[in-house]
Amino acid sequence: MEKRAIFPSLVGAVLPVALVAVLGSLLTDTNSSWYLGLEKPSFNPKNGCSR
């Protein structure tokens, strides 16, 4: 297989996944009452650790 044929296939596979991941993270509200009311496991990081 030619190297040039791999790049478009790789971009076609990775780009949609990356776009959905970014969109999902932007639309997720971690300060909602539903999310804050969830019973989280003990290994869950404290609020504010990741942002």
PDB file of N, CA and C in Angstrom:
ATOM      1  N   MET A   1       0.837  -1.180   0.000  1.00  0.00           N
ATOM      2  CA  MET A   1       0.000   0.000   0.000  1.00  0.00           C
ATOM      3  C   MET A   1       0.884   1.248   0.000  1.00  0.00           C
ATOM      4  N   GLU A   2       0.439   2.206  -0.702  1.00  0.00           N
ATOM      5  CA  GLU A   2       1.171   3.450  -0.825  1.00  0.00           C
ATOM      6  C   GLU A   2       0.969   4.308   0.434  1.00  0.00           C
ATOM      7  N   LYS A   3       2.013   5.042   0.857  1.00  0.00           N
ATOM      8  CA  LYS A   3       1.923   5.854   2.065  1.00  0.00           C
ATOM      9  C   LYS A   3       0.872   6.955   1.944  1.00  0.00           C
ATOM     10  N   ARG A   4       0.694   7.496   0.781  1.00  0.00           N
ATOM     11  CA  ARG A   4      -0.265   8.588   0.604  1.00  0.00           C
ATOM     12  C   ARG A   4      -1.701   8.117   0.806  1.00  0.00           C
ATOM     13  N   ALA A   5      -1.967   6.869   0.565  1.00  0.00           N
ATOM     14  CA  ALA A   5      -3.322   6.337   0.727  1.00  0.00           C
ATOM     15  C   ALA A   5      -3.674   6.149   2.207  1.00  0.00           C
ATOM     16  N   ILE A   6      -2.700   6.040   3.067  1.00  0.00           N
ATOM     17  CA  ILE A   6      -2.944   5.829   4.489  1.00  0.00           C
ATOM     18  C   ILE A   6      -3.416   7.116   5.159  1.00  0.00           C
ATOM     19  N   PHE A   7      -2.839   8.241   4.805  1.00  0.00           N
ATOM     20  CA  PHE A   7      -3.152   9.506   5.479  1.00  0.00           C
ATOM     21  C   PHE A   7      -4.628   9.894   5.361  1.00  0.00           C
ATOM     22  N   PRO A   8      -5.233   9.891   4.183  1.00  0.00           N
ATOM     23  CA  PRO A   8      -6.663  10.240   4.110  1.00  0.00           C
ATOM     24  C   PRO A   8      -7.552   9.276   4.900  1.00  0.00           C
ATOM     25  N   SER A   9      -7.200   8.023   4.906  1.00  0.00           N
ATOM     26  CA  SER A   9      -7.973   7.039   5.671  1.00  0.00           C
ATOM     27  C   SER A   9      -7.851   7.306   7.160  1.00  0.00           C
ATOM     28  N   LEU A  10      -6.662   7.636   7.604  1.00  0.00           N
ATOM     29  CA  LEU A  10      -6.430   7.928   9.015  1.00  0.00           C
ATOM     30  C   LEU A  10      -7.184   9.184   9.432  1.00  0.00           C
ATOM     31  N   VAL A  11      -7.114  10.216   8.621  1.00  0.00           N
ATOM     32  CA  VAL A  11      -7.837  11.456   8.921  1.00  0.00           C
ATOM     33  C   VAL A  11      -9.340  11.193   8.916  1.00  0.00           C
ATOM     34  N   GLY A  12      -9.814  10.425   7.976  1.00  0.00           N
ATOM     35  CA  GLY A  12     -11.239  10.107   7.894  1.00  0.00           C
ATOM     36  C   GLY A  12     -11.744   9.310   9.079  1.00  0.00           C
ATOM     37  N   ALA A  13     -10.869   8.570   9.727  1.00  0.00           N
ATOM     38  CA  ALA A  13     -11.261   7.772  10.892  1.00  0.00           C
ATOM     39  C   ALA A  13     -11.114   8.559  12.191  1.00  0.00           C
ATOM     40  N   VAL A  14     -10.079   9.361  12.303  1.00  0.00           N
ATOM     41  CA  VAL A  14      -9.780  10.053  13.551  1.00  0.00           C
ATOM     42  C   VAL A  14     -10.558  11.361  13.691  1.00  0.00           C
ATOM     43  N   LEU A  15     -10.710  12.105  12.628  1.00  0.00           N
ATOM     44  CA  LEU A  15     -11.345  13.416  12.695  1.00  0.00           C
ATOM     45  C   LEU A  15     -12.782  13.373  13.215  1.00  0.00           C
ATOM     46  N   PRO A  16     -13.641  12.499  12.725  1.00  0.00           N
ATOM     47  CA  PRO A  16     -15.009  12.465  13.274  1.00  0.00           C
ATOM     48  C   PRO A  16     -15.047  12.116  14.762  1.00  0.00           C
ATOM     49  N   VAL A  17     -14.191  11.212  15.187  1.00  0.00           N
ATOM     50  CA  VAL A  17     -14.151  10.829  16.600  1.00  0.00           C
ATOM     51  C   VAL A  17     -13.702  12.008  17.449  1.00  0.00           C
ATOM     52  N   ALA A  18     -12.676  12.713  17.000  1.00  0.00           N
ATOM     53  CA  ALA A  18     -12.184  13.871  17.742  1.00  0.00           C
ATOM     54  C   ALA A  18     -13.233  14.979  17.807  1.00  0.00           C
ATOM     55  N   LEU A  19     -13.938  15.214  16.712  1.00  0.00           N
ATOM     56  CA  LEU A  19     -14.976  16.250  16.703  1.00  0.00           C
ATOM     57  C   LEU A  19     -16.115  15.923  17.661  1.00  0.00           C
ATOM     58  N   VAL A  20     -16.549  14.680  17.690  1.00  0.00           N
ATOM     59  CA  VAL A  20     -17.616  14.272  18.606  1.00  0.00           C
ATOM     60  C   VAL A  20     -17.146  14.371  20.054  1.00  0.00           C
ATOM     61  N   ALA A  21     -15.905  14.019  20.327  1.00  0.00           N
ATOM     62  CA  ALA A  21     -15.371  14.116  21.690  1.00  0.00           C
ATOM     63  C   ALA A  21     -15.326  15.568  22.162  1.00  0.00           C
ATOM     64  N   VAL A  22     -14.874  16.461  21.306  1.00  0.00           N
ATOM     65  CA  VAL A  22     -14.815  17.884  21.665  1.00  0.00           C
ATOM     66  C   VAL A  22     -16.228  18.434  21.856  1.00  0.00           C
ATOM     67  N   LEU A  23     -17.113  18.121  20.953  1.00  0.00           N
ATOM     68  CA  LEU A  23     -18.489  18.599  21.056  1.00  0.00           C
ATOM     69  C   LEU A  23     -19.147  18.085  22.340  1.00  0.00           C
ATOM     70  N   GLY A  24     -18.956  16.832  22.648  1.00  0.00           N
ATOM     71  CA  GLY A  24     -19.521  16.261  23.871  1.00  0.00           C
ATOM     72  C   GLY A  24     -18.979  16.906  25.125  1.00  0.00           C
ATOM     73  N   SER A  25     -17.693  17.210  25.148  1.00  0.00           N
ATOM     74  CA  SER A  25     -17.115  17.843  26.334  1.00  0.00           C
ATOM     75  C   SER A  25     -17.600  19.279  26.487  1.00  0.00           C
ATOM     76  N   LEU A  26     -17.855  19.957  25.375  1.00  0.00           N
ATOM     77  CA  LEU A  26     -18.365  21.329  25.451  1.00  0.00           C
ATOM     78  C   LEU A  26     -19.824  21.371  25.899  1.00  0.00           C
ATOM     79  N   LEU A  27     -20.599  20.363  25.540  1.00  0.00           N
ATOM     80  CA  LEU A  27     -22.020  20.347  25.873  1.00  0.00           C
ATOM     81  C   LEU A  27     -22.336  19.704  27.220  1.00  0.00           C
ATOM     82  N   THR A  28     -21.358  19.139  27.884  1.00  0.00           N
ATOM     83  CA  THR A  28     -21.578  18.487  29.171  1.00  0.00           C
ATOM     84  C   THR A  28     -21.539  19.518  30.283  1.00  0.00           C
ATOM     85  N   ASP A  29     -22.604  19.560  31.075  1.00  0.00           N
ATOM     86  CA  ASP A  29     -22.690  20.503  32.190  1.00  0.00           C
ATOM     87  C   ASP A  29     -22.412  19.754  33.488  1.00  0.00           C
ATOM     88  N   THR A  30     -21.205  19.881  34.010  1.00  0.00           N
ATOM     89  CA  THR A  30     -20.838  19.169  35.234  1.00  0.00           C
ATOM     90  C   THR A  30     -21.315  19.887  36.487  1.00  0.00           C
ATOM     91  N   ASN A  31     -21.940  21.045  36.332  1.00  0.00           N
ATOM     92  CA  ASN A  31     -22.488  21.768  37.484  1.00  0.00           C
ATOM     93  C   ASN A  31     -24.004  21.614  37.591  1.00  0.00           C
ATOM     94  N   SER A  32     -24.586  20.722  36.787  1.00  0.00           N
ATOM     95  CA  SER A  32     -26.037  20.528  36.851  1.00  0.00           C
ATOM     96  C   SER A  32     -26.400  19.773  38.130  1.00  0.00           C
ATOM     97  N   SER A  33     -27.636  19.976  38.580  1.00  0.00           N
ATOM     98  CA  SER A  33     -28.071  19.301  39.808  1.00  0.00           C
ATOM     99  C   SER A  33     -28.085  17.783  39.623  1.00  0.00           C
ATOM    100  N   TRP A  34     -28.382  17.321  38.387  1.00  0.00           N
ATOM    101  CA  TRP A  34     -28.385  15.889  38.132  1.00  0.00           C
ATOM    102  C   TRP A  34     -26.987  15.305  38.330  1.00  0.00           C
ATOM    103  N   TYR A  35     -25.988  15.945  37.744  1.00  0.00           N
ATOM    104  CA  TYR A  35     -24.621  15.424  37.834  1.00  0.00           C
ATOM    105  C   TYR A  35     -24.103  15.516  39.260  1.00  0.00           C
ATOM    106  N   LEU A  36     -24.340  16.641  39.916  1.00  0.00           N
ATOM    107  CA  LEU A  36     -23.845  16.813  41.279  1.00  0.00           C
ATOM    108  C   LEU A  36     -24.542  15.866  42.255  1.00  0.00           C
ATOM    109  N   GLY A  37     -25.770  15.425  41.913  1.00  0.00           N
ATOM    110  CA  GLY A  37     -26.507  14.515  42.779  1.00  0.00           C
ATOM    111  C   GLY A  37     -26.150  13.046  42.598  1.00  0.00           C
ATOM    112  N   LEU A  38     -25.343  12.725  41.600  1.00  0.00           N
ATOM    113  CA  LEU A  38     -24.956  11.331  41.385  1.00  0.00           C
ATOM    114  C   LEU A  38     -24.096  10.814  42.531  1.00  0.00           C
ATOM    115  N   GLU A  39     -24.275   9.544  42.861  1.00  0.00           N
ATOM    116  CA  GLU A  39     -23.424   8.914  43.864  1.00  0.00           C
ATOM    117  C   GLU A  39     -22.165   8.442  43.147  1.00  0.00           C
ATOM    118  N   LYS A  40     -21.079   9.136  43.381  1.00  0.00           N
ATOM    119  CA  LYS A  40     -19.833   8.855  42.664  1.00  0.00           C
ATOM    120  C   LYS A  40     -18.957   7.901  43.473  1.00  0.00           C
ATOM    121  N   PRO A  41     -18.104   7.119  42.794  1.00  0.00           N
ATOM    122  CA  PRO A  41     -17.218   6.191  43.509  1.00  0.00           C
ATOM    123  C   PRO A  41     -16.145   6.946  44.298  1.00  0.00           C
ATOM    124  N   SER A  42     -15.536   6.272  45.234  1.00  0.00           N
ATOM    125  CA  SER A  42     -14.535   6.914  46.096  1.00  0.00           C
ATOM    126  C   SER A  42     -13.302   7.368  45.325  1.00  0.00           C
ATOM    127  N   PHE A  43     -13.008   6.749  44.181  1.00  0.00           N
ATOM    128  CA  PHE A  43     -11.818   7.122  43.419  1.00  0.00           C
ATOM    129  C   PHE A  43     -12.077   8.280  42.453  1.00  0.00           C
ATOM    130  N   ASN A  44     -13.299   8.831  42.452  1.00  0.00           N
ATOM    131  CA  ASN A  44     -13.622   9.979  41.602  1.00  0.00           C
ATOM    132  C   ASN A  44     -12.885  11.217  42.117  1.00  0.00           C
ATOM    133  N   PRO A  45     -12.225  11.991  41.256  1.00  0.00           N
ATOM    134  CA  PRO A  45     -11.519  13.188  41.717  1.00  0.00           C
ATOM    135  C   PRO A  45     -12.488  14.212  42.305  1.00  0.00           C
ATOM    136  N   LYS A  46     -12.012  15.027  43.219  1.00  0.00           N
ATOM    137  CA  LYS A  46     -12.823  16.075  43.841  1.00  0.00           C
ATOM    138  C   LYS A  46     -13.185  17.125  42.801  1.00  0.00           C
ATOM    139  N   ASN A  47     -14.236  17.879  43.047  1.00  0.00           N
ATOM    140  CA  ASN A  47     -14.646  18.953  42.141  1.00  0.00           C
ATOM    141  C   ASN A  47     -13.520  19.960  41.997  1.00  0.00           C
ATOM    142  N   GLY A  48     -13.259  20.397  40.770  1.00  0.00           N
ATOM    143  CA  GLY A  48     -12.244  21.402  40.527  1.00  0.00           C
ATOM    144  C   GLY A  48     -10.855  20.831  40.242  1.00  0.00           C
ATOM    145  N   CYS A  49     -10.674  19.533  40.356  1.00  0.00           N
ATOM    146  CA  CYS A  49      -9.343  18.952  40.100  1.00  0.00           C
ATOM    147  C   CYS A  49      -8.972  19.007  38.627  1.00  0.00           C
ATOM    148  N   SER A  50      -9.947  18.869  37.755  1.00  0.00           N
ATOM    149  CA  SER A  50      -9.616  18.789  36.342  1.00  0.00           C
ATOM    150  C   SER A  50      -9.757  20.127  35.621  1.00  0.00           C
ATOM    151  N   ARG A  51     -10.312  21.123  36.229  1.00  0.00           N
ATOM    152  CA  ARG A  51     -10.472  22.414  35.555  1.00  0.00           C
ATOM    153  C   ARG A  51      -9.917  23.513  36.382  1.00  0.00           C
TER     154      ARG A  51
END
